[in-house]
Amino acid sequence: MKFLVDMPLSPKTVQFLKNMGQEAVRVSELGMAKSKDREIFDYAEKNDMIILSAHLDFGTILANTHSCKPSVIIFRLRNPSPEHVNSLILSNLTIIEKDILKGAIVIIEDSEIRIRELPIGEK
């Protein structure tokens, strides 16, 4: 899988994903640190990447566009430390892999994971 990691998440998460054998890049590495969420969304869609973020705006974009990709994983955590985020990735990636490969928005919270198949919203 190819991951595009948004600015709210640490470069340590990018390295963690790479150590797991995944492709991962942080938006800052692409010169997109100050890009609008829609630009990041479009880049991920064009390059068949999965967005990892803590911003809810990507869910809004998915709802407004009725897109089937890119998949988005949003972390809504009390403790968004890289160690906590990375441990949640490690323990849940195989569980959500099938959904994100098909197209989904995944919300990972401290006590639950919510998965919604794409597209969302009405056409």
N, C-alpha and C. Protein backbone atom coordinates (compact mmCIF):
# COMPACT_ATOMS: atom_id res chain seq x y z
N MET A 1 0.84 -1.18 0.00
CA MET A 1 0.00 0.00 0.00
C MET A 1 0.88 1.24 0.00
N LYS A 2 0.33 2.31 -0.53
CA LYS A 2 1.05 3.58 -0.58
C LYS A 2 0.29 4.59 0.29
N PHE A 3 1.00 5.17 1.25
CA PHE A 3 0.39 6.10 2.18
C PHE A 3 0.91 7.51 1.99
N LEU A 4 0.00 8.48 2.05
CA LEU A 4 0.34 9.89 2.06
C LEU A 4 -0.01 10.41 3.45
N VAL A 5 1.00 10.76 4.21
CA VAL A 5 0.82 11.14 5.61
C VAL A 5 0.72 12.66 5.71
N ASP A 6 -0.37 13.14 6.26
CA ASP A 6 -0.65 14.56 6.39
C ASP A 6 0.18 15.17 7.53
N MET A 7 0.29 16.49 7.52
CA MET A 7 1.16 17.21 8.46
C MET A 7 0.87 16.96 9.95
N PRO A 8 -0.38 16.76 10.38
CA PRO A 8 -0.59 16.55 11.81
C PRO A 8 0.07 15.27 12.37
N LEU A 9 0.43 14.37 11.49
CA LEU A 9 1.07 13.13 11.93
C LEU A 9 2.58 13.23 11.76
N SER A 10 3.28 12.56 12.61
CA SER A 10 4.74 12.67 12.72
C SER A 10 5.49 11.99 11.58
N PRO A 11 6.67 12.51 11.25
CA PRO A 11 7.56 11.80 10.33
C PRO A 11 7.93 10.41 10.87
N LYS A 12 7.84 10.22 12.18
CA LYS A 12 8.11 8.91 12.77
C LYS A 12 7.10 7.87 12.27
N THR A 13 5.88 8.32 11.97
CA THR A 13 4.86 7.41 11.44
C THR A 13 5.22 7.00 10.02
N VAL A 14 5.76 7.91 9.24
CA VAL A 14 6.22 7.58 7.89
C VAL A 14 7.30 6.51 7.97
N GLN A 15 8.27 6.71 8.84
CA GLN A 15 9.36 5.74 8.98
C GLN A 15 8.83 4.40 9.48
N PHE A 16 7.87 4.44 10.41
CA PHE A 16 7.27 3.22 10.94
C PHE A 16 6.61 2.42 9.81
N LEU A 17 5.85 3.11 8.95
CA LEU A 17 5.20 2.44 7.83
C LEU A 17 6.23 1.84 6.88
N LYS A 18 7.29 2.58 6.60
CA LYS A 18 8.35 2.06 5.74
C LYS A 18 8.99 0.82 6.35
N ASN A 19 9.20 0.84 7.67
CA ASN A 19 9.78 -0.32 8.35
C ASN A 19 8.86 -1.53 8.28
N MET A 20 7.55 -1.28 8.11
CA MET A 20 6.57 -2.36 7.96
C MET A 20 6.52 -2.87 6.51
N GLY A 21 7.30 -2.26 5.63
CA GLY A 21 7.31 -2.67 4.24
C GLY A 21 6.31 -1.93 3.36
N GLN A 22 5.72 -0.87 3.89
CA GLN A 22 4.76 -0.08 3.14
C GLN A 22 5.46 1.09 2.47
N GLU A 23 4.87 1.62 1.42
CA GLU A 23 5.35 2.87 0.84
C GLU A 23 4.68 4.01 1.59
N ALA A 24 5.46 5.00 1.98
CA ALA A 24 4.89 6.12 2.73
C ALA A 24 5.71 7.37 2.48
N VAL A 25 5.01 8.49 2.39
CA VAL A 25 5.65 9.79 2.24
C VAL A 25 4.80 10.82 2.99
N ARG A 26 5.47 11.76 3.60
CA ARG A 26 4.77 12.84 4.30
C ARG A 26 4.60 13.99 3.32
N VAL A 27 3.49 14.69 3.41
CA VAL A 27 3.22 15.77 2.46
C VAL A 27 4.36 16.79 2.42
N SER A 28 5.03 17.00 3.54
CA SER A 28 6.14 17.97 3.57
C SER A 28 7.29 17.53 2.68
N GLU A 29 7.48 16.23 2.50
CA GLU A 29 8.54 15.71 1.63
C GLU A 29 8.24 15.99 0.16
N LEU A 30 7.00 16.28 -0.15
CA LEU A 30 6.58 16.57 -1.52
C LEU A 30 6.46 18.07 -1.77
N GLY A 31 6.87 18.87 -0.78
CA GLY A 31 6.74 20.32 -0.90
C GLY A 31 5.30 20.79 -0.73
N MET A 32 4.48 19.97 -0.06
CA MET A 32 3.05 20.27 0.09
C MET A 32 2.67 20.59 1.54
N ALA A 33 3.63 21.00 2.35
CA ALA A 33 3.36 21.24 3.78
C ALA A 33 2.27 22.28 3.99
N LYS A 34 2.17 23.25 3.11
CA LYS A 34 1.16 24.31 3.27
C LYS A 34 0.01 24.18 2.28
N SER A 35 -0.07 23.03 1.64
CA SER A 35 -1.13 22.81 0.66
C SER A 35 -2.49 22.68 1.33
N LYS A 36 -3.51 23.06 0.60
CA LYS A 36 -4.87 22.89 1.09
C LYS A 36 -5.22 21.41 1.05
N ASP A 37 -6.16 21.02 1.94
CA ASP A 37 -6.56 19.61 2.01
C ASP A 37 -7.03 19.09 0.66
N ARG A 38 -7.71 19.92 -0.11
CA ARG A 38 -8.20 19.47 -1.42
C ARG A 38 -7.03 19.13 -2.36
N GLU A 39 -5.95 19.89 -2.28
CA GLU A 39 -4.77 19.60 -3.11
C GLU A 39 -4.14 18.27 -2.70
N ILE A 40 -4.08 18.03 -1.39
CA ILE A 40 -3.55 16.77 -0.87
C ILE A 40 -4.44 15.61 -1.31
N PHE A 41 -5.74 15.81 -1.20
CA PHE A 41 -6.72 14.81 -1.63
C PHE A 41 -6.52 14.47 -3.11
N ASP A 42 -6.41 15.50 -3.95
CA ASP A 42 -6.25 15.29 -5.39
C ASP A 42 -4.94 14.56 -5.69
N TYR A 43 -3.88 14.90 -4.98
CA TYR A 43 -2.60 14.23 -5.19
C TYR A 43 -2.73 12.74 -4.84
N ALA A 44 -3.35 12.45 -3.71
CA ALA A 44 -3.53 11.06 -3.29
C ALA A 44 -4.39 10.29 -4.28
N GLU A 45 -5.43 10.92 -4.77
CA GLU A 45 -6.30 10.26 -5.75
C GLU A 45 -5.53 9.96 -7.03
N LYS A 46 -4.80 10.93 -7.53
CA LYS A 46 -4.05 10.78 -8.78
C LYS A 46 -2.97 9.71 -8.67
N ASN A 47 -2.37 9.57 -7.48
CA ASN A 47 -1.25 8.65 -7.28
C ASN A 47 -1.63 7.36 -6.55
N ASP A 48 -2.95 7.12 -6.43
CA ASP A 48 -3.47 5.90 -5.81
C ASP A 48 -2.87 5.66 -4.43
N MET A 49 -2.98 6.70 -3.59
CA MET A 49 -2.44 6.64 -2.23
C MET A 49 -3.56 6.70 -1.21
N ILE A 50 -3.26 6.25 -0.01
CA ILE A 50 -4.19 6.28 1.11
C ILE A 50 -3.75 7.43 2.02
N ILE A 51 -4.66 8.32 2.34
CA ILE A 51 -4.33 9.46 3.20
C ILE A 51 -4.44 9.06 4.66
N LEU A 52 -3.42 9.42 5.44
CA LEU A 52 -3.45 9.30 6.90
C LEU A 52 -3.44 10.71 7.46
N SER A 53 -4.39 11.03 8.34
CA SER A 53 -4.50 12.40 8.85
C SER A 53 -5.19 12.42 10.20
N ALA A 54 -5.22 13.61 10.78
CA ALA A 54 -6.02 13.85 11.96
C ALA A 54 -7.09 14.90 11.64
N HIS A 55 -7.16 15.32 10.38
CA HIS A 55 -8.13 16.32 9.95
C HIS A 55 -9.41 15.66 9.45
N LEU A 56 -10.53 16.18 9.91
CA LEU A 56 -11.82 15.67 9.46
C LEU A 56 -12.20 16.19 8.08
N ASP A 57 -11.47 17.19 7.59
CA ASP A 57 -11.82 17.80 6.31
C ASP A 57 -11.82 16.80 5.15
N PHE A 58 -10.99 15.77 5.25
CA PHE A 58 -10.95 14.79 4.17
C PHE A 58 -12.27 14.02 4.07
N GLY A 59 -12.92 13.80 5.19
CA GLY A 59 -14.24 13.16 5.17
C GLY A 59 -15.27 14.05 4.48
N THR A 60 -15.17 15.34 4.73
CA THR A 60 -16.07 16.30 4.08
C THR A 60 -15.84 16.31 2.58
N ILE A 61 -14.59 16.29 2.17
CA ILE A 61 -14.29 16.27 0.73
C ILE A 61 -14.86 15.00 0.10
N LEU A 62 -14.69 13.86 0.76
CA LEU A 62 -15.24 12.60 0.23
C LEU A 62 -16.76 12.68 0.10
N ALA A 63 -17.41 13.25 1.10
CA ALA A 63 -18.88 13.36 1.07
C ALA A 63 -19.33 14.30 -0.05
N ASN A 64 -18.61 15.38 -0.25
CA ASN A 64 -19.00 16.37 -1.27
C ASN A 64 -18.71 15.90 -2.69
N THR A 65 -17.69 15.09 -2.87
CA THR A 65 -17.30 14.66 -4.21
C THR A 65 -17.87 13.31 -4.61
N HIS A 66 -18.33 12.54 -3.60
CA HIS A 66 -18.84 11.19 -3.84
C HIS A 66 -17.78 10.30 -4.47
N SER A 67 -16.52 10.58 -4.16
CA SER A 67 -15.40 9.83 -4.73
C SER A 67 -15.30 8.42 -4.15
N CYS A 68 -14.79 7.53 -4.97
CA CYS A 68 -14.53 6.16 -4.52
C CYS A 68 -13.09 5.98 -4.05
N LYS A 69 -12.27 7.00 -4.28
CA LYS A 69 -10.90 7.00 -3.78
C LYS A 69 -10.46 8.45 -3.67
N PRO A 70 -9.50 8.76 -2.89
CA PRO A 70 -8.63 7.86 -2.14
C PRO A 70 -9.28 7.43 -0.83
N SER A 71 -8.82 6.31 -0.32
CA SER A 71 -9.21 5.93 1.03
C SER A 71 -8.53 6.88 2.00
N VAL A 72 -9.18 7.09 3.13
CA VAL A 72 -8.67 8.02 4.14
C VAL A 72 -8.76 7.35 5.51
N ILE A 73 -7.68 7.45 6.26
CA ILE A 73 -7.66 6.98 7.65
C ILE A 73 -7.46 8.22 8.52
N ILE A 74 -8.41 8.47 9.41
CA ILE A 74 -8.36 9.64 10.28
C ILE A 74 -8.20 9.18 11.72
N PHE A 75 -7.22 9.74 12.40
CA PHE A 75 -6.97 9.43 13.80
C PHE A 75 -7.60 10.50 14.68
N ARG A 76 -8.51 10.10 15.56
CA ARG A 76 -9.16 10.99 16.52
C ARG A 76 -8.81 10.49 17.91
N LEU A 77 -7.69 10.95 18.45
CA LEU A 77 -7.13 10.38 19.66
C LEU A 77 -6.88 11.44 20.73
N ARG A 78 -7.03 11.03 21.98
CA ARG A 78 -6.66 11.92 23.10
C ARG A 78 -5.15 12.10 23.15
N ASN A 79 -4.42 11.01 22.86
CA ASN A 79 -2.97 11.03 22.86
C ASN A 79 -2.48 10.72 21.44
N PRO A 80 -2.26 11.77 20.63
CA PRO A 80 -1.86 11.53 19.25
C PRO A 80 -0.34 11.39 19.07
N SER A 81 0.34 10.89 20.09
CA SER A 81 1.79 10.73 19.98
C SER A 81 2.11 9.74 18.87
N PRO A 82 3.28 9.89 18.25
CA PRO A 82 3.66 8.95 17.19
C PRO A 82 3.64 7.50 17.67
N GLU A 83 4.06 7.27 18.88
CA GLU A 83 4.07 5.90 19.41
C GLU A 83 2.67 5.31 19.47
N HIS A 84 1.71 6.12 19.91
CA HIS A 84 0.32 5.65 20.01
C HIS A 84 -0.27 5.42 18.61
N VAL A 85 -0.07 6.38 17.72
CA VAL A 85 -0.56 6.23 16.35
C VAL A 85 0.04 4.98 15.71
N ASN A 86 1.36 4.81 15.87
CA ASN A 86 2.04 3.66 15.26
C ASN A 86 1.54 2.34 15.83
N SER A 87 1.27 2.31 17.13
CA SER A 87 0.76 1.07 17.72
C SER A 87 -0.64 0.75 17.20
N LEU A 88 -1.45 1.77 16.97
CA LEU A 88 -2.78 1.56 16.40
C LEU A 88 -2.70 1.08 14.95
N ILE A 89 -1.75 1.61 14.21
CA ILE A 89 -1.54 1.14 12.84
C ILE A 89 -1.15 -0.34 12.86
N LEU A 90 -0.19 -0.66 13.71
CA LEU A 90 0.30 -2.03 13.79
C LEU A 90 -0.82 -3.01 14.15
N SER A 91 -1.65 -2.65 15.11
CA SER A 91 -2.68 -3.58 15.57
C SER A 91 -3.93 -3.61 14.69
N ASN A 92 -4.08 -2.62 13.79
CA ASN A 92 -5.33 -2.56 13.02
C ASN A 92 -5.17 -2.62 11.51
N LEU A 93 -3.97 -2.47 10.99
CA LEU A 93 -3.82 -2.38 9.53
C LEU A 93 -4.33 -3.63 8.82
N THR A 94 -4.03 -4.80 9.33
CA THR A 94 -4.52 -6.01 8.66
C THR A 94 -6.05 -6.12 8.75
N ILE A 95 -6.64 -5.57 9.80
CA ILE A 95 -8.10 -5.61 9.97
C ILE A 95 -8.79 -4.71 8.95
N ILE A 96 -8.21 -3.55 8.67
CA ILE A 96 -8.85 -2.58 7.78
C ILE A 96 -8.32 -2.64 6.34
N GLU A 97 -7.30 -3.45 6.10
CA GLU A 97 -6.63 -3.47 4.79
C GLU A 97 -7.60 -3.71 3.64
N LYS A 98 -8.45 -4.71 3.75
CA LYS A 98 -9.38 -5.04 2.68
C LYS A 98 -10.30 -3.85 2.36
N ASP A 99 -10.77 -3.18 3.39
CA ASP A 99 -11.66 -2.03 3.20
C ASP A 99 -10.95 -0.86 2.53
N ILE A 100 -9.74 -0.55 2.99
CA ILE A 100 -9.06 0.61 2.40
C ILE A 100 -8.57 0.33 0.98
N LEU A 101 -8.33 -0.91 0.66
CA LEU A 101 -7.95 -1.23 -0.72
C LEU A 101 -9.15 -1.10 -1.67
N LYS A 102 -10.35 -1.37 -1.15
CA LYS A 102 -11.57 -1.22 -1.96
C LYS A 102 -12.01 0.23 -2.05
N GLY A 103 -11.75 1.00 -1.00
CA GLY A 103 -12.18 2.39 -0.92
C GLY A 103 -13.03 2.60 0.32
N ALA A 104 -12.47 3.28 1.32
CA ALA A 104 -13.19 3.48 2.57
C ALA A 104 -12.63 4.69 3.32
N ILE A 105 -13.45 5.21 4.20
CA ILE A 105 -12.96 6.16 5.18
C ILE A 105 -12.98 5.43 6.51
N VAL A 106 -11.86 5.48 7.21
CA VAL A 106 -11.70 4.78 8.48
C VAL A 106 -11.38 5.81 9.55
N ILE A 107 -12.18 5.82 10.60
CA ILE A 107 -11.94 6.70 11.74
C ILE A 107 -11.43 5.82 12.88
N ILE A 108 -10.21 6.10 13.32
CA ILE A 108 -9.63 5.35 14.44
C ILE A 108 -9.66 6.24 15.67
N GLU A 109 -10.43 5.81 16.66
CA GLU A 109 -10.52 6.52 17.93
C GLU A 109 -9.89 5.66 19.01
N ASP A 110 -9.81 6.21 20.21
CA ASP A 110 -9.22 5.47 21.32
C ASP A 110 -9.97 4.18 21.63
N SER A 111 -11.28 4.21 21.51
CA SER A 111 -12.07 3.05 21.93
C SER A 111 -12.79 2.31 20.81
N GLU A 112 -12.70 2.83 19.58
CA GLU A 112 -13.39 2.15 18.48
C GLU A 112 -12.81 2.54 17.13
N ILE A 113 -13.15 1.73 16.15
CA ILE A 113 -12.81 2.00 14.75
C ILE A 113 -14.10 1.98 13.96
N ARG A 114 -14.30 3.02 13.16
CA ARG A 114 -15.48 3.07 12.30
C ARG A 114 -15.01 3.03 10.85
N ILE A 115 -15.67 2.20 10.06
CA ILE A 115 -15.31 2.05 8.65
C ILE A 115 -16.56 2.31 7.82
N ARG A 116 -16.39 3.16 6.82
CA ARG A 116 -17.50 3.43 5.92
C ARG A 116 -17.00 3.30 4.49
N GLU A 117 -17.68 2.46 3.74
CA GLU A 117 -17.33 2.21 2.34
C GLU A 117 -17.56 3.46 1.50
N LEU A 118 -16.70 3.66 0.51
CA LEU A 118 -16.86 4.77 -0.41
C LEU A 118 -17.65 4.31 -1.63
N PRO A 119 -18.39 5.19 -2.26
CA PRO A 119 -18.53 6.61 -1.97
C PRO A 119 -19.52 6.85 -0.83
N ILE A 120 -19.36 8.00 -0.17
CA ILE A 120 -20.31 8.41 0.87
C ILE A 120 -21.09 9.61 0.37
N GLY A 121 -22.22 9.85 0.98
CA GLY A 121 -23.06 10.96 0.55
C GLY A 121 -23.96 10.52 -0.58
N GLU A 122 -24.90 11.36 -0.93
CA GLU A 122 -25.84 11.04 -2.01
C GLU A 122 -25.32 11.57 -3.32
N LYS A 123 -25.62 10.85 -4.38
CA LYS A 123 -25.22 11.29 -5.72
C LYS A 123 -26.28 12.15 -6.32
